[in-house]
PDB file of all heavy atoms in Angstrom:
ATOM      1  N   SER A   1     232.583  63.638 144.054  1.00  0.00           N
ATOM      2  CA  SER A   1     231.246  63.283 143.586  1.00  0.00           C
ATOM      3  C   SER A   1     231.335  62.403 142.344  1.00  0.00           C
ATOM      4  O   SER A   1     232.296  62.474 141.579  1.00  0.00           O
ATOM      5  CB  SER A   1     230.453  64.557 143.255  1.00  0.00           C
ATOM      6  OG  SER A   1     231.078  65.283 142.218  1.00  0.00           O
ATOM      7  N   ALA A   2     230.308  61.576 142.170  1.00  0.00           N
ATOM      8  CA  ALA A   2     230.261  60.705 141.003  1.00  0.00           C
ATOM      9  C   ALA A   2     230.071  61.543 139.749  1.00  0.00           C
ATOM     10  O   ALA A   2     229.414  62.584 139.763  1.00  0.00           O
ATOM     11  CB  ALA A   2     229.124  59.705 141.155  1.00  0.00           C
ATOM     12  N   SER A   3     230.638  61.066 138.662  1.00  0.00           N
ATOM     13  CA  SER A   3     230.523  61.770 137.388  1.00  0.00           C
ATOM     14  C   SER A   3     229.503  61.075 136.500  1.00  0.00           C
ATOM     15  O   SER A   3     229.530  59.859 136.333  1.00  0.00           O
ATOM     16  CB  SER A   3     231.889  61.800 136.690  1.00  0.00           C
ATOM     17  OG  SER A   3     231.799  62.468 135.452  1.00  0.00           O
ATOM     18  N   ILE A   4     228.587  61.866 135.949  1.00  0.00           N
ATOM     19  CA  ILE A   4     227.513  61.345 135.095  1.00  0.00           C
ATOM     20  C   ILE A   4     227.750  61.779 133.659  1.00  0.00           C
ATOM     21  O   ILE A   4     228.011  62.959 133.394  1.00  0.00           O
ATOM     22  CB  ILE A   4     226.138  61.855 135.563  1.00  0.00           C
ATOM     23  CG1 ILE A   4     225.828  61.354 136.974  1.00  0.00           C
ATOM     24  CG2 ILE A   4     225.039  61.429 134.594  1.00  0.00           C
ATOM     25  CD1 ILE A   4     224.560  61.959 137.565  1.00  0.00           C
ATOM     26  N   LEU A   5     227.669  60.837 132.735  1.00  0.00           N
ATOM     27  CA  LEU A   5     227.636  61.178 131.311  1.00  0.00           C
ATOM     28  C   LEU A   5     226.170  61.267 130.912  1.00  0.00           C
ATOM     29  O   LEU A   5     225.439  60.278 130.991  1.00  0.00           O
ATOM     30  CB  LEU A   5     228.346  60.118 130.470  1.00  0.00           C
ATOM     31  CG  LEU A   5     228.305  60.347 128.946  1.00  0.00           C
ATOM     32  CD1 LEU A   5     228.972  61.663 128.578  1.00  0.00           C
ATOM     33  CD2 LEU A   5     228.948  59.192 128.204  1.00  0.00           C
ATOM     34  N   TYR A   6     225.731  62.455 130.517  1.00  0.00           N
ATOM     35  CA  TYR A   6     224.329  62.706 130.176  1.00  0.00           C
ATOM     36  C   TYR A   6     224.248  63.017 128.683  1.00  0.00           C
ATOM     37  O   TYR A   6     224.888  63.952 128.191  1.00  0.00           O
ATOM     38  CB  TYR A   6     223.804  63.876 131.010  1.00  0.00           C
ATOM     39  CG  TYR A   6     222.398  64.312 130.688  1.00  0.00           C
ATOM     40  CD1 TYR A   6     221.383  63.390 130.461  1.00  0.00           C
ATOM     41  CD2 TYR A   6     222.079  65.665 130.624  1.00  0.00           C
ATOM     42  CE1 TYR A   6     220.091  63.797 130.174  1.00  0.00           C
ATOM     43  CE2 TYR A   6     220.791  66.087 130.344  1.00  0.00           C
ATOM     44  CZ  TYR A   6     219.805  65.157 130.114  1.00  0.00           C
ATOM     45  OH  TYR A   6     218.526  65.568 129.831  1.00  0.00           O
ATOM     46  N   ILE A   7     223.468  62.215 127.947  1.00  0.00           N
ATOM     47  CA  ILE A   7     223.369  62.369 126.493  1.00  0.00           C
ATOM     48  C   ILE A   7     221.930  62.710 126.128  1.00  0.00           C
ATOM     49  O   ILE A   7     221.031  61.871 126.237  1.00  0.00           O
ATOM     50  CB  ILE A   7     223.835  61.094 125.769  1.00  0.00           C
ATOM     51  CG1 ILE A   7     225.218  60.659 126.278  1.00  0.00           C
ATOM     52  CG2 ILE A   7     223.869  61.323 124.261  1.00  0.00           C
ATOM     53  CD1 ILE A   7     225.695  59.332 125.744  1.00  0.00           C
ATOM     54  N   GLU A   8     221.713  63.942 125.697  1.00  0.00           N
ATOM     55  CA  GLU A   8     220.376  64.459 125.388  1.00  0.00           C
ATOM     56  C   GLU A   8     220.534  65.588 124.381  1.00  0.00           C
ATOM     57  O   GLU A   8     221.292  66.527 124.605  1.00  0.00           O
ATOM     58  CB  GLU A   8     219.708  64.968 126.672  1.00  0.00           C
ATOM     59  CG  GLU A   8     218.480  65.837 126.482  1.00  0.00           C
ATOM     60  CD  GLU A   8     217.307  65.087 125.866  1.00  0.00           C
ATOM     61  OE1 GLU A   8     216.754  64.222 126.565  1.00  0.00           O
ATOM     62  OE2 GLU A   8     216.971  65.383 124.702  1.00  0.00           O
ATOM     63  N   ASP A   9     219.828  65.507 123.237  1.00  0.00           N
ATOM     64  CA  ASP A   9     219.993  66.524 122.205  1.00  0.00           C
ATOM     65  C   ASP A   9     219.089  67.730 122.394  1.00  0.00           C
ATOM     66  O   ASP A   9     219.356  68.799 121.842  1.00  0.00           O
ATOM     67  CB  ASP A   9     219.762  65.912 120.817  1.00  0.00           C
ATOM     68  CG  ASP A   9     218.312  65.497 120.599  1.00  0.00           C
ATOM     69  OD1 ASP A   9     217.761  64.830 121.501  1.00  0.00           O
ATOM     70  OD2 ASP A   9     217.743  65.833 119.558  1.00  0.00           O
ATOM     71  N   ASP A  10     217.999  67.599 123.175  1.00  0.00           N
ATOM     72  CA  ASP A  10     217.101  68.717 123.409  1.00  0.00           C
ATOM     73  C   ASP A  10     217.757  69.718 124.369  1.00  0.00           C
ATOM     74  O   ASP A  10     218.040  69.389 125.522  1.00  0.00           O
ATOM     75  CB  ASP A  10     215.776  68.217 123.994  1.00  0.00           C
ATOM     76  CG  ASP A  10     214.738  69.323 124.102  1.00  0.00           C
ATOM     77  OD1 ASP A  10     214.951  70.268 124.889  1.00  0.00           O
ATOM     78  OD2 ASP A  10     213.703  69.236 123.417  1.00  0.00           O
ATOM     79  N   ARG A  11     218.012  70.932 123.901  1.00  0.00           N
ATOM     80  CA  ARG A  11     218.747  71.909 124.710  1.00  0.00           C
ATOM     81  C   ARG A  11     218.006  72.301 125.978  1.00  0.00           C
ATOM     82  O   ARG A  11     218.620  72.478 127.041  1.00  0.00           O
ATOM     83  CB  ARG A  11     219.050  73.161 123.875  1.00  0.00           C
ATOM     84  CG  ARG A  11     220.085  72.930 122.782  1.00  0.00           C
ATOM     85  CD  ARG A  11     220.347  74.207 121.999  1.00  0.00           C
ATOM     86  NE  ARG A  11     221.362  74.009 120.983  1.00  0.00           N
ATOM     87  CZ  ARG A  11     222.661  74.154 121.187  1.00  0.00           C
ATOM     88  NH1 ARG A  11     223.099  74.496 122.390  1.00  0.00           N
ATOM     89  NH2 ARG A  11     223.524  73.971 120.205  1.00  0.00           N
ATOM     90  N   ASP A  12     216.685  72.467 125.872  1.00  0.00           N
ATOM     91  CA  ASP A  12     215.912  72.878 127.050  1.00  0.00           C
ATOM     92  C   ASP A  12     215.919  71.788 128.117  1.00  0.00           C
ATOM     93  O   ASP A  12     216.219  72.038 129.290  1.00  0.00           O
ATOM     94  CB  ASP A  12     214.470  73.223 126.653  1.00  0.00           C
ATOM     95  CG  ASP A  12     214.391  74.485 125.795  1.00  0.00           C
ATOM     96  OD1 ASP A  12     215.293  75.337 125.946  1.00  0.00           O
ATOM     97  OD2 ASP A  12     213.453  74.612 124.999  1.00  0.00           O
ATOM     98  N   ILE A  13     215.574  70.559 127.706  1.00  0.00           N
ATOM     99  CA  ILE A  13     215.562  69.446 128.659  1.00  0.00           C
ATOM    100  C   ILE A  13     216.963  69.197 129.193  1.00  0.00           C
ATOM    101  O   ILE A  13     217.180  69.043 130.403  1.00  0.00           O
ATOM    102  CB  ILE A  13     215.012  68.165 128.000  1.00  0.00           C
ATOM    103  CG1 ILE A  13     213.549  68.358 127.598  1.00  0.00           C
ATOM    104  CG2 ILE A  13     215.156  66.968 128.939  1.00  0.00           C
ATOM    105  CD1 ILE A  13     212.962  67.195 126.822  1.00  0.00           C
ATOM    106  N   GLY A  14     217.938  69.177 128.286  1.00  0.00           N
ATOM    107  CA  GLY A  14     219.310  68.918 128.692  1.00  0.00           C
ATOM    108  C   GLY A  14     219.825  69.942 129.681  1.00  0.00           C
ATOM    109  O   GLY A  14     220.516  69.605 130.642  1.00  0.00           O
ATOM    110  N   GLY A  15     219.455  71.200 129.467  1.00  0.00           N
ATOM    111  CA  GLY A  15     219.912  72.263 130.352  1.00  0.00           C
ATOM    112  C   GLY A  15     219.399  72.118 131.766  1.00  0.00           C
ATOM    113  O   GLY A  15     220.170  72.171 132.736  1.00  0.00           O
ATOM    114  N   TRP A  16     218.076  71.894 131.900  1.00  0.00           N
ATOM    115  CA  TRP A  16     217.544  71.844 133.269  1.00  0.00           C
ATOM    116  C   TRP A  16     217.907  70.542 133.982  1.00  0.00           C
ATOM    117  O   TRP A  16     218.136  70.541 135.194  1.00  0.00           O
ATOM    118  CB  TRP A  16     216.048  72.130 133.315  1.00  0.00           C
ATOM    119  CG  TRP A  16     215.080  71.124 132.781  1.00  0.00           C
ATOM    120  CD1 TRP A  16     214.450  71.164 131.592  1.00  0.00           C
ATOM    121  CD2 TRP A  16     214.590  69.949 133.441  1.00  0.00           C
ATOM    122  NE1 TRP A  16     213.619  70.089 131.438  1.00  0.00           N
ATOM    123  CE2 TRP A  16     213.671  69.323 132.563  1.00  0.00           C
ATOM    124  CE3 TRP A  16     214.840  69.359 134.668  1.00  0.00           C
ATOM    125  CZ2 TRP A  16     213.007  68.139 132.884  1.00  0.00           C
ATOM    126  CZ3 TRP A  16     214.176  68.171 134.998  1.00  0.00           C
ATOM    127  CH2 TRP A  16     213.286  67.579 134.109  1.00  0.00           C
ATOM    128  N   VAL A  17     217.984  69.432 133.233  1.00  0.00           N
ATOM    129  CA  VAL A  17     218.390  68.176 133.871  1.00  0.00           C
ATOM    130  C   VAL A  17     219.852  68.252 134.312  1.00  0.00           C
ATOM    131  O   VAL A  17     220.202  67.852 135.428  1.00  0.00           O
ATOM    132  CB  VAL A  17     218.183  66.981 132.919  1.00  0.00           C
ATOM    133  CG1 VAL A  17     218.845  65.719 133.481  1.00  0.00           C
ATOM    134  CG2 VAL A  17     216.696  66.726 132.707  1.00  0.00           C
ATOM    135  N   SER A  18     220.713  68.795 133.447  1.00  0.00           N
ATOM    136  CA  SER A  18     222.124  68.934 133.786  1.00  0.00           C
ATOM    137  C   SER A  18     222.303  69.820 135.015  1.00  0.00           C
ATOM    138  O   SER A  18     223.052  69.482 135.943  1.00  0.00           O
ATOM    139  CB  SER A  18     222.883  69.522 132.594  1.00  0.00           C
ATOM    140  OG  SER A  18     224.249  69.677 132.884  1.00  0.00           O
ATOM    141  N   ASP A  19     221.605  70.963 135.041  1.00  0.00           N
ATOM    142  CA  ASP A  19     221.697  71.871 136.189  1.00  0.00           C
ATOM    143  C   ASP A  19     221.185  71.209 137.462  1.00  0.00           C
ATOM    144  O   ASP A  19     221.767  71.367 138.542  1.00  0.00           O
ATOM    145  CB  ASP A  19     220.898  73.151 135.919  1.00  0.00           C
ATOM    146  CG  ASP A  19     221.561  74.035 134.870  1.00  0.00           C
ATOM    147  OD1 ASP A  19     222.756  73.824 134.584  1.00  0.00           O
ATOM    148  OD2 ASP A  19     220.875  74.928 134.328  1.00  0.00           O
ATOM    149  N   PHE A  20     220.092  70.453 137.345  1.00  0.00           N
ATOM    150  CA  PHE A  20     219.519  69.790 138.524  1.00  0.00           C
ATOM    151  C   PHE A  20     220.492  68.772 139.101  1.00  0.00           C
ATOM    152  O   PHE A  20     220.696  68.714 140.323  1.00  0.00           O
ATOM    153  CB  PHE A  20     218.197  69.110 138.149  1.00  0.00           C
ATOM    154  CG  PHE A  20     217.557  68.366 139.293  1.00  0.00           C
ATOM    155  CD1 PHE A  20     216.808  69.031 140.243  1.00  0.00           C
ATOM    156  CD2 PHE A  20     217.736  66.999 139.427  1.00  0.00           C
ATOM    157  CE1 PHE A  20     216.232  68.352 141.312  1.00  0.00           C
ATOM    158  CE2 PHE A  20     217.171  66.300 140.491  1.00  0.00           C
ATOM    159  CZ  PHE A  20     216.414  66.988 141.434  1.00  0.00           C
ATOM    160  N   LEU A  21     221.096  67.966 138.227  1.00  0.00           N
ATOM    161  CA  LEU A  21     222.031  66.947 138.697  1.00  0.00           C
ATOM    162  C   LEU A  21     223.267  67.585 139.334  1.00  0.00           C
ATOM    163  O   LEU A  21     223.804  67.078 140.322  1.00  0.00           O
ATOM    164  CB  LEU A  21     222.434  66.028 137.545  1.00  0.00           C
ATOM    165  CG  LEU A  21     221.327  65.111 137.012  1.00  0.00           C
ATOM    166  CD1 LEU A  21     221.795  64.378 135.748  1.00  0.00           C
ATOM    167  CD2 LEU A  21     220.876  64.100 138.063  1.00  0.00           C
ATOM    168  N   LYS A  22     223.708  68.701 138.774  1.00  0.00           N
ATOM    169  CA  LYS A  22     224.850  69.408 139.360  1.00  0.00           C
ATOM    170  C   LYS A  22     224.492  69.936 140.746  1.00  0.00           C
ATOM    171  O   LYS A  22     225.315  69.897 141.674  1.00  0.00           O
ATOM    172  CB  LYS A  22     225.283  70.553 138.454  1.00  0.00           C
ATOM    173  CG  LYS A  22     225.977  70.098 137.182  1.00  0.00           C
ATOM    174  CD  LYS A  22     226.324  71.276 136.279  1.00  0.00           C
ATOM    175  CE  LYS A  22     226.973  70.800 134.979  1.00  0.00           C
ATOM    176  NZ  LYS A  22     227.245  71.934 134.068  1.00  0.00           N
ATOM    177  N   GLU A  23     223.256  70.435 140.898  1.00  0.00           N
ATOM    178  CA  GLU A  23     222.805  70.916 142.203  1.00  0.00           C
ATOM    179  C   GLU A  23     222.772  69.789 143.229  1.00  0.00           C
ATOM    180  O   GLU A  23     222.930  70.019 144.432  1.00  0.00           O
ATOM    181  CB  GLU A  23     221.418  71.550 142.082  1.00  0.00           C
ATOM    182  CG  GLU A  23     221.413  72.883 141.344  1.00  0.00           C
ATOM    183  CD  GLU A  23     220.006  73.403 141.098  1.00  0.00           C
ATOM    184  OE1 GLU A  23     219.044  72.749 141.573  1.00  0.00           O
ATOM    185  OE2 GLU A  23     219.863  74.454 140.440  1.00  0.00           O
ATOM    186  N   LYS A  24     222.559  68.559 142.753  1.00  0.00           N
ATOM    187  CA  LYS A  24     222.554  67.388 143.638  1.00  0.00           C
ATOM    188  C   LYS A  24     223.968  66.940 144.006  1.00  0.00           C
ATOM    189  O   LYS A  24     224.141  65.992 144.775  1.00  0.00           O
ATOM    190  CB  LYS A  24     221.813  66.230 142.959  1.00  0.00           C
ATOM    191  CG  LYS A  24     220.299  66.409 142.879  1.00  0.00           C
ATOM    192  CD  LYS A  24     219.669  66.270 144.259  1.00  0.00           C
ATOM    193  CE  LYS A  24     218.159  66.312 144.199  1.00  0.00           C
ATOM    194  NZ  LYS A  24     217.546  66.155 145.542  1.00  0.00           N
ATOM    195  N   GLY A  25     224.956  67.604 143.426  1.00  0.00           N
ATOM    196  CA  GLY A  25     226.333  67.294 143.783  1.00  0.00           C
ATOM    197  C   GLY A  25     227.084  66.414 142.808  1.00  0.00           C
ATOM    198  O   GLY A  25     228.235  66.046 143.052  1.00  0.00           O
ATOM    199  N   TYR A  26     226.464  66.070 141.686  1.00  0.00           N
ATOM    200  CA  TYR A  26     227.131  65.222 140.701  1.00  0.00           C
ATOM    201  C   TYR A  26     227.965  66.066 139.738  1.00  0.00           C
ATOM    202  O   TYR A  26     227.627  67.213 139.439  1.00  0.00           O
ATOM    203  CB  TYR A  26     226.103  64.429 139.883  1.00  0.00           C
ATOM    204  CG  TYR A  26     225.270  63.463 140.685  1.00  0.00           C
ATOM    205  CD1 TYR A  26     223.922  63.700 140.911  1.00  0.00           C
ATOM    206  CD2 TYR A  26     225.835  62.308 141.217  1.00  0.00           C
ATOM    207  CE1 TYR A  26     223.144  62.809 141.646  1.00  0.00           C
ATOM    208  CE2 TYR A  26     225.078  61.417 141.951  1.00  0.00           C
ATOM    209  CZ  TYR A  26     223.736  61.678 142.166  1.00  0.00           C
ATOM    210  OH  TYR A  26     222.979  60.793 142.896  1.00  0.00           O
ATOM    211  N   GLY A  27     229.025  65.457 139.229  1.00  0.00           N
ATOM    212  CA  GLY A  27     229.709  66.040 138.098  1.00  0.00           C
ATOM    213  C   GLY A  27     228.978  65.586 136.837  1.00  0.00           C
ATOM    214  O   GLY A  27     228.616  64.412 136.736  1.00  0.00           O
ATOM    215  N   VAL A  28     228.736  66.476 135.900  1.00  0.00           N
ATOM    216  CA  VAL A  28     227.944  66.135 134.714  1.00  0.00           C
ATOM    217  C   VAL A  28     228.694  66.504 133.443  1.00  0.00           C
ATOM    218  O   VAL A  28     229.137  67.641 133.268  1.00  0.00           O
ATOM    219  CB  VAL A  28     226.572  66.855 134.722  1.00  0.00           C
ATOM    220  CG1 VAL A  28     225.770  66.477 133.477  1.00  0.00           C
ATOM    221  CG2 VAL A  28     225.786  66.504 135.978  1.00  0.00           C
ATOM    222  N   LYS A  29     228.833  65.528 132.549  1.00  0.00           N
ATOM    223  CA  LYS A  29     229.332  65.769 131.200  1.00  0.00           C
ATOM    224  C   LYS A  29     228.157  65.600 130.254  1.00  0.00           C
ATOM    225  O   LYS A  29     227.614  64.499 130.103  1.00  0.00           O
ATOM    226  CB  LYS A  29     230.440  64.763 130.855  1.00  0.00           C
ATOM    227  CG  LYS A  29     230.932  64.849 129.404  1.00  0.00           C
ATOM    228  CD  LYS A  29     231.639  66.156 129.136  1.00  0.00           C
ATOM    229  CE  LYS A  29     232.172  66.207 127.708  1.00  0.00           C
ATOM    230  NZ  LYS A  29     232.873  67.478 127.413  1.00  0.00           N
ATOM    231  N   TRP A  30     227.703  66.705 129.645  1.00  0.00           N
ATOM    232  CA  TRP A  30     226.510  66.678 128.795  1.00  0.00           C
ATOM    233  C   TRP A  30     226.912  66.678 127.324  1.00  0.00           C
ATOM    234  O   TRP A  30     227.601  67.581 126.854  1.00  0.00           O
ATOM    235  CB  TRP A  30     225.627  67.886 129.130  1.00  0.00           C
ATOM    236  CG  TRP A  30     224.429  68.063 128.234  1.00  0.00           C
ATOM    237  CD1 TRP A  30     223.778  67.107 127.525  1.00  0.00           C
ATOM    238  CD2 TRP A  30     223.745  69.296 127.969  1.00  0.00           C
ATOM    239  NE1 TRP A  30     222.725  67.648 126.823  1.00  0.00           N
ATOM    240  CE2 TRP A  30     222.679  68.984 127.076  1.00  0.00           C
ATOM    241  CE3 TRP A  30     223.919  70.608 128.403  1.00  0.00           C
ATOM    242  CZ2 TRP A  30     221.802  69.968 126.612  1.00  0.00           C
ATOM    243  CZ3 TRP A  30     223.040  71.583 127.935  1.00  0.00           C
ATOM    244  CH2 TRP A  30     221.993  71.260 127.055  1.00  0.00           C
ATOM    245  N   LEU A  31     226.491  65.636 126.603  1.00  0.00           N
ATOM    246  CA  LEU A  31     226.686  65.542 125.162  1.00  0.00           C
ATOM    247  C   LEU A  31     225.333  65.657 124.468  1.00  0.00           C
ATOM    248  O   LEU A  31     224.330  65.171 124.981  1.00  0.00           O
ATOM    249  CB  LEU A  31     227.324  64.205 124.779  1.00  0.00           C
ATOM    250  CG  LEU A  31     228.691  63.862 125.370  1.00  0.00           C
ATOM    251  CD1 LEU A  31     229.142  62.493 124.863  1.00  0.00           C
ATOM    252  CD2 LEU A  31     229.718  64.931 125.017  1.00  0.00           C
ATOM    253  N   GLN A  32     225.318  66.265 123.291  1.00  0.00           N
ATOM    254  CA  GLN A  32     224.074  66.403 122.543  1.00  0.00           C
ATOM    255  C   GLN A  32     223.957  65.399 121.399  1.00  0.00           C
ATOM    256  O   GLN A  32     223.002  65.421 120.628  1.00  0.00           O
ATOM    257  CB  GLN A  32     223.935  67.841 122.025  1.00  0.00           C
ATOM    258  CG  GLN A  32     223.793  68.837 123.168  1.00  0.00           C
ATOM    259  CD  GLN A  32     223.621  70.252 122.700  1.00  0.00           C
ATOM    260  OE1 GLN A  32     222.975  70.509 121.684  1.00  0.00           O
ATOM    261  NE2 GLN A  32     224.210  71.195 123.426  1.00  0.00           N
ATOM    262  N   SER A  33     224.920  64.493 121.306  1.00  0.00           N
ATOM    263  CA  SER A  33     224.843  63.361 120.377  1.00  0.00           C
ATOM    264  C   SER A  33     225.680  62.241 120.977  1.00  0.00           C
ATOM    265  O   SER A  33     226.437  62.446 121.928  1.00  0.00           O
ATOM    266  CB  SER A  33     225.366  63.734 118.985  1.00  0.00           C
ATOM    267  OG  SER A  33     226.779  63.784 118.985  1.00  0.00           O
ATOM    268  N   GLY A  34     225.543  61.054 120.392  1.00  0.00           N
ATOM    269  CA  GLY A  34     226.263  59.913 120.936  1.00  0.00           C
ATOM    270  C   GLY A  34     227.568  59.602 120.251  1.00  0.00           C
ATOM    271  O   GLY A  34     228.189  58.569 120.530  1.00  0.00           O
ATOM    272  N   GLU A  35     228.027  60.482 119.367  1.00  0.00           N
ATOM    273  CA  GLU A  35     229.209  60.181 118.563  1.00  0.00           C
ATOM    274  C   GLU A  35     230.456  59.913 119.406  1.00  0.00           C
ATOM    275  O   GLU A  35     231.255  59.036 119.092  1.00  0.00           O
ATOM    276  CB  GLU A  35     229.491  61.332 117.583  1.00  0.00           C
ATOM    277  CG  GLU A  35     228.331  61.652 116.642  1.00  0.00           C
ATOM    278  CD  GLU A  35     227.970  60.496 115.724  1.00  0.00           C
ATOM    279  OE1 GLU A  35     228.864  59.698 115.408  1.00  0.00           O
ATOM    280  OE2 GLU A  35     226.797  60.395 115.330  1.00  0.00           O
ATOM    281  N   LYS A  36     230.636  60.654 120.482  1.00  0.00           N
ATOM    282  CA  LYS A  36     231.841  60.505 121.314  1.00  0.00           C
ATOM    283  C   LYS A  36     231.523  59.869 122.664  1.00  0.00           C
ATOM    284  O   LYS A  36     232.318  59.976 123.605  1.00  0.00           O
ATOM    285  CB  LYS A  36     232.503  61.871 121.519  1.00  0.00           C
ATOM    286  CG  LYS A  36     233.034  62.505 120.239  1.00  0.00           C
ATOM    287  CD  LYS A  36     233.750  63.811 120.532  1.00  0.00           C
ATOM    288  CE  LYS A  36     234.321  64.423 119.247  1.00  0.00           C
ATOM    289  NZ  LYS A  36     235.026  65.706 119.533  1.00  0.00           N
ATOM    290  N   ALA A  37     230.384  59.195 122.744  1.00  0.00           N
ATOM    291  CA  ALA A  37     229.938  58.667 124.028  1.00  0.00           C
ATOM    292  C   ALA A  37     230.904  57.646 124.619  1.00  0.00           C
ATOM    293  O   ALA A  37     231.211  57.688 125.821  1.00  0.00           O
ATOM    294  CB  ALA A  37     228.549  58.041 123.879  1.00  0.00           C
TER     295      ALA A  37
END
């Protein structure tokens, strides 16, 4: 599966979006800041 870099600092939004994308079959790397993007 394709790997997605997801950058979102809001924990609630980040959590459900990350979980949704994983359910769609994507690999997800979630960062809460852009420092190591």
